[in-house]
C-alpha cells in the first residue's frame, strides 16, 4: 500500500479534463484524447478506478462525479459484471461520495436481472453493505439479494456474513426468514469472528428481533470474552444493545396477555432454549460494564431542530427534560409528563431514516426504551416538522395531537 497523493491527483485531473482514454491498461498507462467523455473506459476500468481511489482514501469528488454521471447516462449496464457492480457501489460508500441517482441506476439493473447466480457471496455482501452505509433504501434490491444469499449461504465466510446481516439490519430490511436461515450457519463460524464481526452479528439479530437459540449461547459469550480487550467503543455499544435484547425477552414476559400467536411461538422457542441451557445467557459483569460505559460515552449535541421542538413543548405548558439518560443507557431528546405518564420524545433528523423509513438503529432504540425503560416513545420526523415552517401555532397543534393533549 504505497501512498502517492500527487500521483492520484495527477491521474484524477487528467481523467476529469480529458475524459476519454484510448487505451487504459494500468493506472500509470493513460493515453488520452481531448474528448470530454469516458466512452472508451469499459466497466472494469471504471470500477477499478473508483475502487483504487476509495481504497487509498484519496478524496477526489469531481472524479467520482464524472464516473457516476457517465454510468447514469449509459443506455444499459449489461456489460457490468457482478464484480464491477459491487466494486462501484462499495467504492462510493467507502469514499462517502453521495450519488443517489447512481445507486438507483445500479439497483434497478440488479433487480431486473433474471437471477443472481453469478454473484459470489462477497458481491452480495458488499452491495448490501454499500447501500446500508450510503443510507440508500432499496427494499426490492434487498429482497433480491436475500433470495440469492439464502441459497448460497454455505459459501459465505465470517466477513461476508457479518457485513450482510449488519447491512440488512441497518437498512431495516427485517426478513425473519433470512435471519432464521443464517443462524445455524453463523454458529459454525463464530470461532472465526473478530470483535467487529461478533458485535455486528449480535447487533443485527437484536434489531431483527429474531430468536436464535442455536447461535446465542455460551459459545457466543466465550467468543466475546476471548476478544474482551480488543473491542472498540462502537463495538462495545453494539454488544450492550445485544445484551439489552436478551433483557427484552424477560421484560416482555410480563405482558403475556398481549401476545399474539406469532409472539407466543417465538417465546416458546426462547423458553425451550433457556430450558435446554439451564441458564440465562448474559454477558459477564466485567464485559457488561465495559459495554454500558461505551454505550453512554457519546456526548450529546442537540440540533437546531431539536431545540426548536423543545421550545414549542415549553410553549404549550410542558416542562421537557432534555437529553435524558435512561436506566438502560439510551439518551432521549426530551422527556415530558402527560396526565401523570412519562413520554419520551425523539426528534428524528435525516440520519434516522432511509428515505422515510426508520433505520435499524432508530427502530432498536424506540423498541428497547419502550420495552425495558417502560417509557413510550413518540417520534417527530424532520420532514413533518419542517413543513410547518415558522408557524408556531401549527407546531404547537402538531405536538398537542402527537401527545394526545386535550
Protein backbone atom coordinates (compact mmCIF):
# COMPACT_ATOMS: atom_id res chain seq x y z
CA UNK A 1 0.00 0.00 0.00
CA UNK A 2 2.16 2.80 -1.33
CA UNK A 3 0.75 6.27 -0.74
CA UNK A 4 1.27 8.70 -3.62
CA UNK A 5 -1.27 11.53 -3.31
CA UNK A 6 0.34 13.53 -6.11
CA UNK A 7 0.10 10.59 -8.49
CA UNK A 8 -3.57 10.04 -7.67
CA UNK A 9 -4.28 13.74 -8.11
CA UNK A 10 -2.49 13.90 -11.46
CA UNK A 11 -4.39 10.89 -12.78
CA UNK A 12 -7.72 12.21 -11.47
CA UNK A 13 -7.15 15.64 -13.01
CA UNK A 14 -6.24 14.00 -16.32
CA UNK A 15 -9.40 11.89 -16.38
CA UNK A 16 -11.58 14.81 -15.36
CA UNK A 17 -10.21 17.11 -18.06
CA UNK A 18 -9.52 14.75 -20.91
CA UNK A 19 -12.22 12.23 -20.18
CA UNK A 20 -11.83 9.75 -22.98
CA UNK A 21 -8.95 7.31 -22.66
CA UNK A 22 -7.94 5.49 -25.81
CA UNK A 23 -6.01 2.70 -24.07
CA UNK A 24 -6.20 2.18 -20.32
CA UNK A 25 -4.27 -0.87 -19.17
CA UNK A 26 -2.74 0.14 -15.82
CA UNK A 27 -3.19 3.12 -13.56
CA UNK A 28 0.06 4.51 -14.88
CA UNK A 29 -0.65 3.80 -18.56
CA UNK A 30 -3.02 6.55 -19.66
CA UNK A 31 -3.03 7.71 -23.27
CA UNK A 32 -5.92 10.13 -23.76
CA UNK A 33 -7.61 12.35 -26.25
CA UNK A 34 -9.32 15.66 -25.61
CA UNK A 35 -12.92 14.44 -25.97
CA UNK A 36 -14.85 15.04 -22.76
CA UNK A 37 -16.44 11.62 -22.19
CA UNK A 38 -15.48 8.20 -20.87
CA UNK A 39 -16.83 6.08 -23.71
CA UNK A 40 -13.63 4.11 -24.11
CA UNK A 41 -13.49 3.13 -20.44
CA UNK A 42 -15.01 -0.29 -20.02
CA UNK A 43 -16.86 -1.29 -16.80
CA UNK A 44 -13.77 -2.89 -15.31
CA UNK A 45 -11.75 0.29 -15.84
CA UNK A 46 -14.42 2.43 -14.19
CA UNK A 47 -14.85 0.12 -11.22
CA UNK A 48 -11.10 -0.34 -10.76
CA UNK A 49 -10.52 3.43 -10.72
CA UNK A 50 -13.28 4.05 -8.19
CA UNK A 51 -12.12 1.10 -6.07
CA UNK A 52 -8.48 2.27 -6.13
CA UNK A 53 -9.30 5.82 -5.02
CA UNK A 54 -11.62 4.60 -2.25
CA UNK A 55 -9.13 2.00 -1.02
CA UNK A 56 -6.30 4.55 -0.99
CA UNK A 57 -8.58 7.02 0.82
CA UNK A 58 -7.90 9.59 -1.88
CA UNK A 59 -10.63 12.22 -1.97
CA UNK A 60 -11.49 13.44 -5.47
CA UNK A 61 -15.21 14.36 -5.61
CA UNK A 62 -15.03 15.62 -9.21
CA UNK A 63 -13.60 12.30 -10.39
CA UNK A 64 -16.32 10.32 -8.60
CA UNK A 65 -18.97 12.63 -10.01
CA UNK A 66 -17.63 12.24 -13.54
CA UNK A 67 -17.63 8.44 -13.31
CA UNK A 68 -21.12 8.40 -11.79
CA UNK A 69 -22.56 10.77 -14.39
CA UNK A 70 -21.09 8.62 -17.16
CA UNK A 71 -22.62 5.41 -15.76
CA UNK A 72 -26.01 7.06 -15.26
CA UNK A 73 -26.01 8.23 -18.88
CA UNK A 74 -25.41 4.71 -20.24
CA UNK A 75 -28.37 3.12 -22.02
CA UNK A 76 -27.94 -0.08 -20.03
CA UNK A 77 -25.47 -1.79 -17.71
CA UNK A 78 -25.41 -5.16 -19.44
CA UNK A 79 -21.61 -5.11 -19.73
CA UNK A 80 -21.13 -4.67 -15.98
CA UNK A 81 -20.38 -7.99 -14.32
CA UNK A 82 -21.10 -8.68 -10.61
CA UNK A 83 -17.60 -7.69 -9.56
CA UNK A 84 -17.80 -4.32 -11.34
CA UNK A 85 -21.23 -3.58 -9.88
CA UNK A 86 -20.21 -4.46 -6.33
CA UNK A 87 -16.87 -2.62 -6.56
CA UNK A 88 -18.52 0.57 -7.77
CA UNK A 89 -21.14 0.82 -5.02
CA UNK A 90 -18.57 -0.28 -2.43
CA UNK A 91 -16.19 2.44 -3.59
CA UNK A 92 -18.80 5.23 -3.45
CA UNK A 93 -19.96 4.15 0.01
CA UNK A 94 -16.40 3.81 1.32
CA UNK A 95 -15.37 7.18 -0.11
CA UNK A 96 -18.56 8.74 1.31
CA UNK A 97 -19.42 10.07 -2.12
CA UNK A 98 -23.17 10.57 -2.20
CA UNK A 99 -24.78 9.95 -5.58
CA UNK A 100 -28.39 8.70 -5.18
CA UNK A 101 -29.02 8.51 -8.94
CA UNK A 102 -26.05 6.17 -9.39
CA UNK A 103 -27.27 3.87 -6.61
CA UNK A 104 -30.77 3.97 -8.11
CA UNK A 105 -29.48 3.04 -11.56
CA UNK A 106 -27.37 0.14 -10.28
CA UNK A 107 -30.17 -1.14 -8.05
CA UNK A 108 -32.62 -1.08 -10.95
CA UNK A 109 -30.22 -3.08 -13.08
CA UNK A 110 -29.62 -5.74 -10.40
CA UNK A 111 -33.35 -6.07 -9.64
CA UNK A 112 -34.11 -6.57 -13.34
CA UNK A 113 -31.67 -9.48 -13.70
CA UNK A 114 -33.29 -12.91 -14.07
CA UNK A 115 -31.20 -14.23 -11.18
CA UNK A 116 -28.02 -13.52 -9.24
CA UNK A 117 -26.43 -16.93 -9.74
CA UNK A 118 -23.18 -15.34 -10.95
CA UNK A 119 -22.90 -13.15 -7.83
CA UNK A 120 -20.49 -14.53 -5.26
CA UNK A 121 -21.10 -14.05 -1.51
CA UNK A 122 -18.60 -11.18 -1.43
CA UNK A 123 -20.51 -9.40 -4.21
CA UNK A 124 -23.83 -9.84 -2.37
CA UNK A 125 -22.47 -8.69 1.00
CA UNK A 126 -20.54 -5.75 -0.50
CA UNK A 127 -23.59 -4.50 -2.35
CA UNK A 128 -25.79 -4.78 0.75
CA UNK A 129 -23.10 -3.13 2.89
CA UNK A 130 -22.67 -0.29 0.40
CA UNK A 131 -26.37 0.57 0.21
CA UNK A 132 -26.69 0.47 4.01
CA UNK A 133 -23.53 2.54 4.54
CA UNK A 134 -24.61 5.11 1.95
CA UNK A 135 -28.06 5.16 3.59
CA UNK A 136 -29.75 4.30 0.31
CA UNK A 137 -33.06 2.49 0.83
CA UNK A 138 -33.99 -0.02 -1.86
CA UNK A 139 -36.32 -2.70 -0.41
CA UNK A 140 -36.69 -4.54 -3.72
CA UNK A 141 -32.91 -4.76 -4.08
CA UNK A 142 -32.57 -6.24 -0.58
CA UNK A 143 -35.34 -8.73 -1.38
CA UNK A 144 -33.45 -9.79 -4.50
CA UNK A 145 -30.17 -10.09 -2.58
CA UNK A 146 -31.89 -12.08 0.19
CA UNK A 147 -33.14 -14.79 -2.16
CA UNK A 148 -29.65 -15.34 -3.52
CA UNK A 149 -27.93 -15.03 -0.12
CA UNK A 150 -30.07 -17.77 1.41
CA UNK A 151 -29.33 -20.11 -1.50
CA UNK A 152 -25.56 -19.53 -1.31
CA UNK A 153 -25.11 -19.07 2.45
CA UNK A 154 -22.87 -22.13 2.74
CA UNK A 155 -20.29 -20.24 0.66
CA UNK A 156 -20.23 -17.17 2.93
CA UNK A 157 -17.21 -16.55 5.15
CA UNK A 158 -17.39 -14.77 8.52
CA UNK A 159 -16.83 -11.31 6.99
CA UNK A 160 -19.48 -11.84 4.33
CA UNK A 161 -21.94 -12.99 6.99
CA UNK A 162 -21.31 -10.12 9.39
CA UNK A 163 -21.42 -7.45 6.68
CA UNK A 164 -24.55 -8.84 5.06
CA UNK A 165 -26.57 -9.22 8.28
CA UNK A 166 -25.38 -5.82 9.56
CA UNK A 167 -26.49 -4.25 6.28
CA UNK A 168 -29.93 -5.85 6.42
CA UNK A 169 -30.43 -4.63 9.99
CA UNK A 170 -29.08 -1.14 9.28
CA UNK A 171 -31.32 -0.82 6.24
CA UNK A 172 -34.25 -2.05 8.36
CA UNK A 173 -34.76 -4.93 5.96
CA UNK A 174 -36.02 -7.29 8.65
CA UNK A 175 -36.62 -10.52 6.78
CA UNK A 176 -37.15 -13.12 9.51
CA UNK A 177 -36.54 -15.92 7.02
CA UNK A 178 -33.07 -14.52 6.26
CA UNK A 179 -32.02 -14.27 9.91
CA UNK A 180 -33.53 -17.64 10.84
CA UNK A 181 -31.93 -19.34 7.84
CA UNK A 182 -28.50 -17.89 8.55
CA UNK A 183 -28.43 -18.63 12.30
CA UNK A 184 -27.27 -22.28 12.18
CA UNK A 185 -24.62 -21.42 9.59
CA UNK A 186 -23.42 -18.36 11.52
CA UNK A 187 -22.94 -20.60 14.56
CA UNK A 188 -20.35 -22.67 12.68
CA UNK A 189 -18.29 -19.51 12.02
CA UNK A 190 -18.45 -17.88 15.47
CA UNK A 191 -14.95 -19.11 16.33
CA UNK A 192 -13.56 -17.29 13.28
CA UNK A 193 -15.20 -13.96 14.07
CA UNK A 194 -13.17 -10.94 15.14
CA UNK A 195 -14.61 -8.32 17.53
CA UNK A 196 -16.26 -6.32 14.76
CA UNK A 197 -17.97 -9.35 13.26
CA UNK A 198 -19.21 -10.56 16.67
CA UNK A 199 -20.67 -7.17 17.58
CA UNK A 200 -22.20 -6.67 14.12
CA UNK A 201 -23.88 -10.08 14.21
CA UNK A 202 -25.21 -9.64 17.75
CA UNK A 203 -26.48 -6.14 16.98
CA UNK A 204 -28.11 -7.27 13.71
CA UNK A 205 -30.10 -10.01 15.44
CA UNK A 206 -31.10 -7.57 18.18
CA UNK A 207 -32.51 -5.20 15.55
CA UNK A 208 -34.22 -8.02 13.68
CA UNK A 209 -35.59 -9.37 16.98
CA UNK A 210 -35.37 -12.94 15.69
CA UNK A 211 -34.82 -15.63 18.33
CA UNK A 212 -31.68 -17.63 17.53
CA UNK A 213 -31.16 -20.11 20.39
CA UNK A 214 -28.65 -22.18 18.44
CA UNK A 215 -26.46 -19.13 17.89
CA UNK A 216 -26.52 -17.06 21.08
CA UNK A 217 -25.30 -19.43 23.71
CA UNK A 218 -22.20 -19.99 25.84
CA UNK A 219 -20.12 -20.36 22.69
CA UNK A 220 -21.03 -16.82 21.60
CA UNK A 221 -20.30 -15.47 25.09
CA UNK A 222 -16.92 -17.23 25.17
CA UNK A 223 -16.04 -15.82 21.74
CA UNK A 224 -16.79 -12.33 23.07
CA UNK A 225 -14.72 -12.93 26.20
CA UNK A 226 -11.81 -14.08 24.05
CA UNK A 227 -11.71 -10.61 22.45
CA UNK A 228 -12.82 -8.62 25.52
CA UNK A 229 -9.82 -6.28 25.44
CA UNK A 230 -9.98 -5.78 21.67
CA UNK A 231 -13.48 -4.33 21.27
CA UNK A 232 -13.69 -0.69 20.20
CA UNK A 233 -16.23 1.74 21.64
CA UNK A 234 -18.76 1.30 18.83
CA UNK A 235 -18.49 -2.48 19.05
CA UNK A 236 -18.97 -2.43 22.82
CA UNK A 237 -22.04 -0.22 22.30
CA UNK A 238 -23.48 -2.78 19.88
CA UNK A 239 -22.88 -5.57 22.38
CA UNK A 240 -24.67 -3.52 25.03
CA UNK A 241 -27.70 -3.35 22.74
CA UNK A 242 -27.46 -7.10 22.15
CA UNK A 243 -27.38 -7.62 25.93
CA UNK A 244 -30.45 -5.39 26.29
CA UNK A 245 -32.14 -7.56 23.69
CA UNK A 246 -31.70 -10.56 25.98
CA UNK A 247 -33.29 -8.50 28.77
CA UNK A 248 -36.18 -7.59 26.46
CA UNK A 249 -37.39 -11.18 26.42
CA UNK A 250 -37.72 -11.18 30.20
CA UNK A 251 -39.47 -7.80 30.20
CA UNK A 252 -41.92 -8.92 27.55
CA UNK A 253 -42.87 -11.99 29.54
CA UNK A 254 -44.67 -9.68 31.96
CA UNK A 255 -47.05 -8.69 29.15
CA UNK A 256 -48.21 -12.21 28.34
CA UNK A 257 -51.89 -11.22 27.92
CA UNK A 258 -50.93 -9.01 24.99
CA UNK A 259 -49.14 -11.70 22.97
CA UNK A 260 -50.43 -12.71 19.56
CA UNK A 261 -49.90 -16.22 18.22
CA UNK A 262 -46.65 -15.37 16.42
CA UNK A 263 -45.22 -13.79 19.60
CA UNK A 264 -46.14 -16.84 21.67
CA UNK A 265 -44.47 -19.15 19.17
CA UNK A 266 -41.28 -17.09 19.27
CA UNK A 267 -41.23 -17.00 23.07
CA UNK A 268 -41.82 -20.75 23.20
CA UNK A 269 -38.64 -21.20 21.15
CA UNK A 270 -36.82 -18.86 23.52
CA UNK A 271 -38.10 -20.76 26.57
CA UNK A 272 -37.03 -24.09 25.08
CA UNK A 273 -33.58 -22.54 24.55
CA UNK A 274 -33.42 -21.44 28.19
CA UNK A 275 -34.59 -24.86 29.39
CA UNK A 276 -32.00 -26.58 27.23
CA UNK A 277 -29.13 -24.46 28.55
CA UNK A 278 -30.43 -24.36 32.13
CA UNK A 279 -29.13 -20.80 32.36
CA UNK A 280 -29.85 -17.30 31.16
CA UNK A 281 -27.46 -16.02 28.54
CA UNK A 282 -25.83 -12.84 29.77
CA UNK A 283 -22.54 -11.10 29.23
CA UNK A 284 -20.19 -11.47 32.20
CA UNK A 285 -20.35 -8.46 34.58
CA UNK A 286 -16.93 -7.08 33.58
CA UNK A 287 -17.82 -7.05 29.88
CA UNK A 288 -21.33 -5.78 30.66
CA UNK A 289 -19.82 -2.77 32.41
CA UNK A 290 -17.43 -2.03 29.54
CA UNK A 291 -20.29 -2.20 27.07
CA UNK A 292 -22.51 0.07 29.16
CA UNK A 293 -19.78 2.66 29.66
CA UNK A 294 -19.05 2.67 25.92
CA UNK A 295 -22.75 2.99 25.15
CA UNK A 296 -23.28 6.08 27.32
CA UNK A 297 -20.00 7.74 26.32
CA UNK A 298 -21.49 9.77 23.46
CA UNK A 299 -21.54 13.48 24.25
CA UNK A 300 -24.97 14.98 23.49
CA UNK A 301 -25.08 17.66 20.81
CA UNK A 302 -28.66 18.94 20.39
CA UNK A 303 -29.54 20.08 16.89
CA UNK A 304 -31.32 23.29 15.94
CA UNK A 305 -34.32 21.13 15.02
CA UNK A 306 -34.32 19.56 18.49
CA UNK A 307 -34.02 22.94 20.21
CA UNK A 308 -36.98 24.23 18.22
CA UNK A 309 -39.17 21.30 19.28
CA UNK A 310 -38.11 21.75 22.92
CA UNK A 311 -39.05 25.44 22.72
CA UNK A 312 -42.54 24.65 21.39
CA UNK A 313 -43.07 21.92 24.03
CA UNK A 314 -42.37 24.56 26.67
CA UNK A 315 -44.79 26.96 24.96
CA UNK A 316 -47.69 24.51 25.32
CA UNK A 317 -47.14 24.30 29.07
CA UNK A 318 -44.98 21.20 29.36
CA UNK A 319 -41.67 21.08 31.19
CA UNK A 320 -39.44 18.95 28.96
CA UNK A 321 -36.30 17.42 30.40
CA UNK A 322 -33.56 17.43 27.75
CA UNK A 323 -31.04 14.73 26.83
CA UNK A 324 -32.33 12.34 29.48
CA UNK A 325 -30.15 9.30 30.17
CA UNK A 326 -32.47 6.34 30.69
CA UNK A 327 -31.80 3.48 33.07
CA UNK A 328 -30.64 1.16 30.29
CA UNK A 329 -28.30 3.75 28.75
CA UNK A 330 -30.18 5.44 25.93
CA UNK A 331 -30.50 9.22 25.70
CA UNK A 332 -33.90 10.68 24.91
CA UNK A 333 -34.05 14.07 23.22
CA UNK A 334 -36.83 15.05 25.60
CA UNK A 335 -38.93 13.55 28.37
CA UNK A 336 -42.31 15.04 29.24
CA UNK A 337 -45.10 14.14 31.62
CA UNK A 338 -48.63 13.93 30.25
CA UNK A 339 -51.52 13.01 32.57
CA UNK A 340 -49.06 11.58 35.07
CA UNK A 341 -47.31 9.42 32.47
CA UNK A 342 -43.73 9.88 31.22
CA UNK A 343 -43.36 10.04 27.44
CA UNK A 344 -40.09 10.11 25.54
CA UNK A 345 -39.79 12.38 22.53
CA UNK A 346 -37.26 11.73 19.80
CA UNK A 347 -36.61 14.50 17.28
CA UNK A 348 -35.50 12.35 14.37
CA UNK A 349 -33.38 14.09 11.74
CA UNK A 350 -32.35 12.75 8.31
CA UNK A 351 -29.73 10.31 9.65
CA UNK A 352 -32.51 8.43 11.48
CA UNK A 353 -34.14 7.47 8.19
CA UNK A 354 -33.52 5.77 4.88
CA UNK A 355 -35.86 7.79 2.75
CA UNK A 356 -38.90 7.94 5.02
CA UNK A 357 -38.23 4.56 6.66
CA UNK A 358 -36.55 4.44 10.11
CA UNK A 359 -33.07 2.90 10.19
CA UNK A 360 -32.37 -0.25 12.17
CA UNK A 361 -30.71 1.80 14.91
CA UNK A 362 -33.78 4.01 15.26
CA UNK A 363 -36.13 1.02 15.41
CA UNK A 364 -33.99 -0.69 18.04
CA UNK A 365 -33.77 2.37 20.28
CA UNK A 366 -37.50 3.05 20.26
CA UNK A 367 -38.30 -0.62 20.91
CA UNK A 368 -35.82 -1.13 23.74
CA UNK A 369 -36.70 2.09 25.56
CA UNK A 370 -40.38 1.13 25.36
CA UNK A 371 -39.85 -2.48 26.47
CA UNK A 372 -37.12 -2.05 29.09
CA UNK A 373 -37.36 1.50 30.41
CA UNK A 374 -41.15 1.28 30.12
CA UNK A 375 -41.20 4.72 28.54
CA UNK A 376 -43.37 5.02 25.41
CA UNK A 377 -41.53 6.89 22.67
CA UNK A 378 -43.03 9.21 20.08
CA UNK A 379 -41.10 10.48 17.07
CA UNK A 380 -41.03 13.92 15.48
CA UNK A 381 -39.75 13.22 11.94
CA UNK A 382 -37.79 16.10 10.47
CA UNK A 383 -39.89 16.41 7.30
CA UNK A 384 -43.16 16.71 9.25
CA UNK A 385 -41.67 19.44 11.43
CA UNK A 386 -40.00 21.28 8.56
CA UNK A 387 -43.22 21.56 6.55
CA UNK A 388 -44.70 23.57 9.42
CA UNK A 389 -42.03 26.19 8.68
CA UNK A 390 -42.06 29.05 11.22
CA UNK A 391 -45.71 28.75 12.19
CA UNK A 392 -45.60 28.29 15.99
CA UNK A 393 -49.36 27.79 16.12
CA UNK A 394 -49.21 24.81 13.76
CA UNK A 395 -46.17 23.39 15.55
CA UNK A 396 -47.91 23.55 18.90
CA UNK A 397 -51.05 21.95 17.46
CA UNK A 398 -48.88 19.21 15.95
CA UNK A 399 -47.31 18.45 19.35
CA UNK A 400 -50.69 18.50 21.11
CA UNK A 401 -52.01 15.96 18.63
CA UNK A 402 -48.88 13.83 18.88
CA UNK A 403 -49.10 13.70 22.68
CA UNK A 404 -52.89 13.42 22.73
CA UNK A 405 -53.23 16.64 24.75
CA UNK A 406 -56.76 17.90 25.08
